[in-house]
Amino acid sequence: MPIYRRKIVRPFDREALLKEAHQSLDASARRRFGKQLLSLGALSLLSGCDVTDSKSAQDILQGMSRWNDRVQLWLFDPTRLAPTYTEAQMTHPFPFNAYYPEDQTPVIDGSTYKLQVGGLVRDKRSWSLPQLYALPQVDQITRHICVEGWSAIGRWGGTPFHIFLKLIGADLSAKYVAFQCEDNYYESIDMQTALHPQTIMAFTYNGKTLPVKFGYPMKLRMPTKLGYKNPKLITAMQITNKYPGGYWDDQGYNWFGGS
């Protein structure tokens, strides 16, 4: 098992957080932050206008989003476990969720499937399904929380991701793990979440081979993250220090996406 360093939670310092938020903006947005933030809010309230399309508003909102990601990462405790549940509490049926209809989910041929591994790793060989299935497996019954406002409890089985990262000789001091998926989805997570004991490479659902609609042959299951951060139909992963973004993150969602 990996050794985790417990973070020391510092007292909340409002002035320090505001200063960091201010510094997270680029120079042009920073000059407008103090004098325009209030006027933007006032204009919205008084006129009912949508000003979020303005360059000034977008700069400020994007800067605050980046700051929010850093705060969430700072507060994240890699030793704290998400709640687990009983089989009686599972959601039936567990809902399908994607940016396309269920009948358009890609079908991967498991007999030829290869998980590609790249980036800051010692062993870049690809992995077949039999090789992945031979790894240590655990089960967890955890809650999937969707940013759309619903949640569902399901039973997922698979390999703790930290075990796989160690097997491939991943640089555990790197910042990001990025994923590519068969449905053209892509996502990335922080290394602390990758090493969390409940982050698993899921190969089964409710004791059976992972259904196509849930991401066969593999999805990353993270009960500490919102649903959109849990990629499925994974075909490749990369360990990197270069910010990789994500499908929804690049459209304005917070990148850290903690639940």
Protein backbone atom coordinates (compact mmCIF):
# COMPACT_ATOMS: atom_id res chain seq x y z
CA MET A 1 0.00 0.00 0.00
CA PRO A 2 1.27 3.51 -0.72
CA ILE A 3 2.28 5.80 2.09
CA TYR A 4 0.15 8.92 2.18
CA ARG A 5 1.13 12.22 3.74
CA ARG A 6 -1.63 13.78 5.78
CA LYS A 7 -2.08 17.42 4.99
CA ILE A 8 -2.04 19.96 7.79
CA VAL A 9 -5.23 21.97 7.52
CA ARG A 10 -4.33 25.59 8.03
CA PRO A 11 -6.81 28.07 9.55
CA PHE A 12 -9.03 29.77 6.97
CA ASP A 13 -7.40 33.01 5.89
CA ARG A 14 -9.88 35.08 3.87
CA GLU A 15 -7.36 37.72 2.86
CA ALA A 16 -4.83 35.12 1.68
CA LEU A 17 -7.44 33.30 -0.41
CA LEU A 18 -8.62 36.53 -2.01
CA LYS A 19 -5.03 37.45 -2.78
CA GLU A 20 -4.45 34.06 -4.46
CA ALA A 21 -7.66 34.42 -6.46
CA HIS A 22 -6.51 37.84 -7.64
CA GLN A 23 -3.10 36.46 -8.62
CA SER A 24 -4.66 33.53 -10.53
CA LEU A 25 -6.06 35.92 -13.13
CA ASP A 26 -3.96 37.02 -16.06
CA ALA A 27 -2.66 40.58 -16.08
CA SER A 28 -5.48 42.11 -18.13
CA ALA A 29 -8.20 40.41 -16.12
CA ARG A 30 -6.46 41.37 -12.86
CA ARG A 31 -6.64 45.07 -13.77
CA ARG A 32 -10.39 44.73 -14.28
CA PHE A 33 -11.07 42.47 -11.30
CA GLY A 34 -11.51 45.12 -8.62
CA LYS A 35 -13.38 47.72 -10.64
CA GLN A 36 -15.54 45.47 -12.83
CA LEU A 37 -16.59 42.54 -10.64
CA LEU A 38 -19.08 44.63 -8.72
CA SER A 39 -20.35 46.40 -11.82
CA LEU A 40 -20.89 43.08 -13.60
CA GLY A 41 -23.00 41.78 -10.74
CA ALA A 42 -24.91 45.02 -10.43
CA LEU A 43 -25.59 45.14 -14.16
CA SER A 44 -26.93 41.59 -14.10
CA LEU A 45 -29.22 42.30 -11.16
CA LEU A 46 -30.55 45.64 -12.37
CA SER A 47 -30.98 44.95 -16.05
CA GLY A 48 -31.43 41.19 -16.16
CA CYS A 49 -28.80 41.07 -18.91
CA ASP A 50 -26.52 38.09 -19.44
CA VAL A 51 -23.02 39.54 -19.34
CA THR A 52 -21.15 36.26 -19.08
CA ASP A 53 -20.30 36.35 -22.77
CA SER A 54 -18.17 39.46 -22.35
CA LYS A 55 -14.40 39.03 -22.47
CA SER A 56 -13.99 40.64 -19.05
CA ALA A 57 -16.51 38.33 -17.41
CA GLN A 58 -15.03 35.23 -19.04
CA ASP A 59 -11.50 36.15 -17.94
CA ILE A 60 -12.67 36.63 -14.35
CA LEU A 61 -14.79 33.48 -14.26
CA GLN A 62 -12.03 31.35 -15.78
CA GLY A 63 -9.52 32.74 -13.28
CA MET A 64 -11.84 31.98 -10.38
CA SER A 65 -12.44 28.48 -11.73
CA ARG A 66 -8.69 27.80 -11.81
CA TRP A 67 -8.41 29.13 -8.27
CA ASN A 68 -11.30 26.92 -7.14
CA ASP A 69 -9.51 23.88 -8.56
CA ARG A 70 -6.38 24.70 -6.55
CA VAL A 71 -8.38 25.19 -3.36
CA GLN A 72 -10.15 21.83 -3.82
CA LEU A 73 -6.82 20.10 -4.42
CA TRP A 74 -5.36 21.76 -1.33
CA LEU A 75 -8.30 20.60 0.80
CA PHE A 76 -8.36 17.05 -0.61
CA ASP A 77 -7.39 14.44 1.98
CA PRO A 78 -5.94 11.34 0.24
CA THR A 79 -6.64 9.21 3.32
CA ARG A 80 -10.31 10.11 3.74
CA LEU A 81 -12.69 7.50 2.34
CA ALA A 82 -15.99 8.13 0.59
CA PRO A 83 -19.04 6.47 2.20
CA THR A 84 -19.81 2.87 1.27
CA TYR A 85 -23.23 1.20 1.20
CA THR A 86 -24.97 -2.17 1.38
CA GLU A 87 -26.40 -4.18 -1.51
CA ALA A 88 -29.89 -3.31 -0.26
CA GLN A 89 -29.12 0.37 -0.85
CA MET A 90 -28.09 -0.07 -4.50
CA THR A 91 -29.97 1.83 -7.21
CA HIS A 92 -31.93 -0.37 -9.64
CA PRO A 93 -31.58 0.17 -12.49
CA PHE A 94 -28.34 2.08 -12.34
CA PRO A 95 -28.73 4.93 -14.89
CA PHE A 96 -26.82 5.29 -18.13
CA ASN A 97 -25.12 8.64 -18.60
CA ALA A 98 -23.09 10.06 -21.50
CA TYR A 99 -23.11 12.92 -23.99
CA TYR A 100 -24.82 10.61 -26.53
CA PRO A 101 -27.80 8.16 -26.44
CA GLU A 102 -27.25 4.71 -24.96
CA ASP A 103 -27.73 2.96 -28.32
CA GLN A 104 -24.75 4.89 -29.70
CA THR A 105 -22.29 3.55 -27.12
CA PRO A 106 -19.22 2.14 -28.91
CA VAL A 107 -18.65 -1.61 -28.61
CA ILE A 108 -15.04 -2.67 -28.03
CA ASP A 109 -13.82 -6.13 -29.02
CA GLY A 110 -12.35 -7.51 -25.80
CA SER A 111 -10.34 -10.17 -27.64
CA THR A 112 -8.21 -7.54 -29.37
CA TYR A 113 -8.37 -4.80 -26.72
CA LYS A 114 -5.10 -3.26 -25.62
CA LEU A 115 -4.73 -0.58 -22.97
CA GLN A 116 -2.03 1.82 -24.15
CA VAL A 117 0.22 3.33 -21.47
CA GLY A 118 2.49 6.32 -22.02
CA GLY A 119 4.14 9.38 -20.58
CA LEU A 120 6.20 9.36 -17.40
CA VAL A 121 6.26 5.59 -16.87
CA ARG A 122 9.04 3.02 -16.90
CA ASP A 123 7.06 0.25 -18.63
CA LYS A 124 5.16 1.45 -21.71
CA ARG A 125 3.94 -1.96 -22.89
CA SER A 126 0.23 -2.28 -23.65
CA TRP A 127 -2.08 -4.47 -21.54
CA SER A 128 -4.58 -7.05 -22.81
CA LEU A 129 -7.81 -7.79 -20.94
CA PRO A 130 -6.58 -11.17 -19.59
CA GLN A 131 -3.51 -9.39 -18.19
CA LEU A 132 -5.65 -6.73 -16.57
CA TYR A 133 -8.12 -9.27 -15.18
CA ALA A 134 -5.19 -11.13 -13.55
CA LEU A 135 -4.42 -8.14 -11.31
CA PRO A 136 -5.68 -7.99 -7.69
CA GLN A 137 -9.39 -7.14 -7.53
CA VAL A 138 -11.59 -5.41 -4.94
CA ASP A 139 -15.30 -4.54 -4.74
CA GLN A 140 -16.90 -1.32 -3.56
CA ILE A 141 -20.50 -0.14 -3.26
CA THR A 142 -20.32 3.61 -3.60
CA ARG A 143 -22.38 6.57 -4.74
CA HIS A 144 -22.02 8.12 -8.19
CA ILE A 145 -22.83 11.83 -7.98
CA CYS A 146 -23.75 13.61 -11.22
CA VAL A 147 -23.23 17.33 -11.72
CA GLU A 148 -26.78 17.39 -13.16
CA GLY A 149 -28.16 16.90 -9.66
CA TRP A 150 -28.88 13.16 -9.39
CA SER A 151 -26.97 10.33 -7.74
CA ALA A 152 -27.03 6.51 -7.78
CA ILE A 153 -25.42 3.75 -5.73
CA GLY A 154 -23.71 0.88 -7.53
CA ARG A 155 -21.31 -2.01 -6.95
CA TRP A 156 -18.06 -1.79 -8.87
CA GLY A 157 -15.19 -4.27 -8.99
CA GLY A 158 -11.66 -3.89 -10.22
CA THR A 159 -8.03 -3.15 -9.50
CA PRO A 160 -6.95 -0.34 -7.17
CA PHE A 161 -5.37 2.17 -9.52
CA HIS A 162 -2.37 2.77 -7.27
CA ILE A 163 -1.39 -0.89 -7.71
CA PHE A 164 -1.39 -0.55 -11.49
CA LEU A 165 0.53 2.74 -11.40
CA LYS A 166 3.26 1.09 -9.34
CA LEU A 167 3.38 -1.93 -11.68
CA ILE A 168 4.04 0.24 -14.72
CA GLY A 169 6.63 2.32 -12.87
CA ALA A 170 4.65 5.55 -13.06
CA ASP A 171 6.26 8.72 -11.76
CA LEU A 172 4.06 9.18 -8.68
CA SER A 173 5.33 12.73 -8.24
CA ALA A 174 3.82 13.76 -11.61
CA LYS A 175 0.83 16.09 -11.56
CA TYR A 176 -1.70 14.43 -13.85
CA VAL A 177 -3.04 11.18 -15.25
CA ALA A 178 -4.83 11.66 -18.58
CA PHE A 179 -7.24 9.24 -20.28
CA GLN A 180 -8.45 8.70 -23.84
CA CYS A 181 -11.67 6.79 -24.51
CA GLU A 182 -13.20 4.89 -27.42
CA ASP A 183 -16.13 7.34 -27.59
CA ASN A 184 -13.71 10.29 -28.10
CA TYR A 185 -14.20 11.36 -24.48
CA TYR A 186 -11.05 12.43 -22.67
CA GLU A 187 -10.40 13.34 -19.06
CA SER A 188 -7.60 13.88 -16.56
CA ILE A 189 -7.19 13.70 -12.80
CA ASP A 190 -4.68 14.78 -10.19
CA MET A 191 -2.14 12.26 -8.93
CA GLN A 192 -3.45 12.40 -5.36
CA THR A 193 -6.84 11.16 -6.54
CA ALA A 194 -5.17 8.55 -8.74
CA LEU A 195 -3.47 7.14 -5.62
CA HIS A 196 -6.60 7.26 -3.45
CA PRO A 197 -7.40 3.74 -2.13
CA GLN A 198 -10.96 3.87 -3.54
CA THR A 199 -9.90 4.84 -7.07
CA ILE A 200 -10.18 1.65 -9.10
CA MET A 201 -9.89 0.41 -12.67
CA ALA A 202 -13.39 -1.05 -12.83
CA PHE A 203 -13.90 -4.25 -14.84
CA THR A 204 -17.18 -5.45 -13.32
CA TYR A 205 -20.54 -4.10 -12.24
CA ASN A 206 -22.59 -5.92 -9.60
CA GLY A 207 -20.35 -8.97 -9.87
CA LYS A 208 -20.57 -9.34 -13.65
CA THR A 209 -18.40 -8.19 -16.55
CA LEU A 210 -18.78 -4.45 -17.00
CA PRO A 211 -21.72 -3.82 -19.36
CA VAL A 212 -21.10 -1.90 -22.58
CA LYS A 213 -23.32 0.95 -21.40
CA PHE A 214 -21.15 1.38 -18.29
CA GLY A 215 -17.88 1.43 -20.21
CA TYR A 216 -16.72 -2.09 -21.14
CA PRO A 217 -14.01 -3.15 -20.91
CA MET A 218 -12.82 -0.63 -18.33
CA LYS A 219 -13.78 2.58 -16.63
CA LEU A 220 -12.09 4.53 -13.87
CA ARG A 221 -14.30 4.59 -10.80
CA MET A 222 -13.64 7.38 -8.29
CA PRO A 223 -16.27 7.96 -5.57
CA THR A 224 -14.36 11.10 -4.55
CA LYS A 225 -15.10 12.73 -7.93
CA LEU A 226 -18.23 13.91 -9.72
CA GLY A 227 -19.51 11.62 -12.46
CA TYR A 228 -18.05 13.47 -15.44
CA LYS A 229 -14.55 12.87 -14.03
CA ASN A 230 -15.04 9.07 -14.22
CA PRO A 231 -14.02 8.12 -17.80
CA LYS A 232 -15.24 4.86 -19.35
CA LEU A 233 -14.36 2.87 -22.48
CA ILE A 234 -10.74 3.73 -21.65
CA THR A 235 -8.23 2.86 -24.36
CA ALA A 236 -5.14 4.84 -23.30
CA MET A 237 -3.64 6.65 -20.35
CA GLN A 238 -0.68 8.95 -19.89
CA ILE A 239 1.23 10.22 -16.88
CA THR A 240 2.23 13.84 -17.42
CA ASN A 241 3.14 17.17 -15.87
CA LYS A 242 1.48 19.08 -18.71
CA TYR A 243 -2.13 20.06 -18.02
CA PRO A 244 -4.30 17.77 -20.23
CA GLY A 245 -7.78 19.25 -19.63
CA GLY A 246 -10.92 17.19 -20.18
CA TYR A 247 -14.03 16.97 -22.37
CA TRP A 248 -16.28 18.97 -20.03
CA ASP A 249 -13.47 20.80 -18.25
CA ASP A 250 -12.52 22.45 -21.55
CA GLN A 251 -16.12 23.63 -21.86
CA GLY A 252 -16.15 25.42 -18.51
CA TYR A 253 -16.62 22.74 -15.83
CA ASN A 254 -14.27 22.81 -12.86
CA TRP A 255 -11.29 20.55 -13.57
CA PHE A 256 -10.85 19.09 -10.08
CA GLY A 257 -14.50 17.99 -9.90
CA GLY A 258 -14.53 16.70 -6.32
CA SER A 259 -17.75 15.26 -4.95
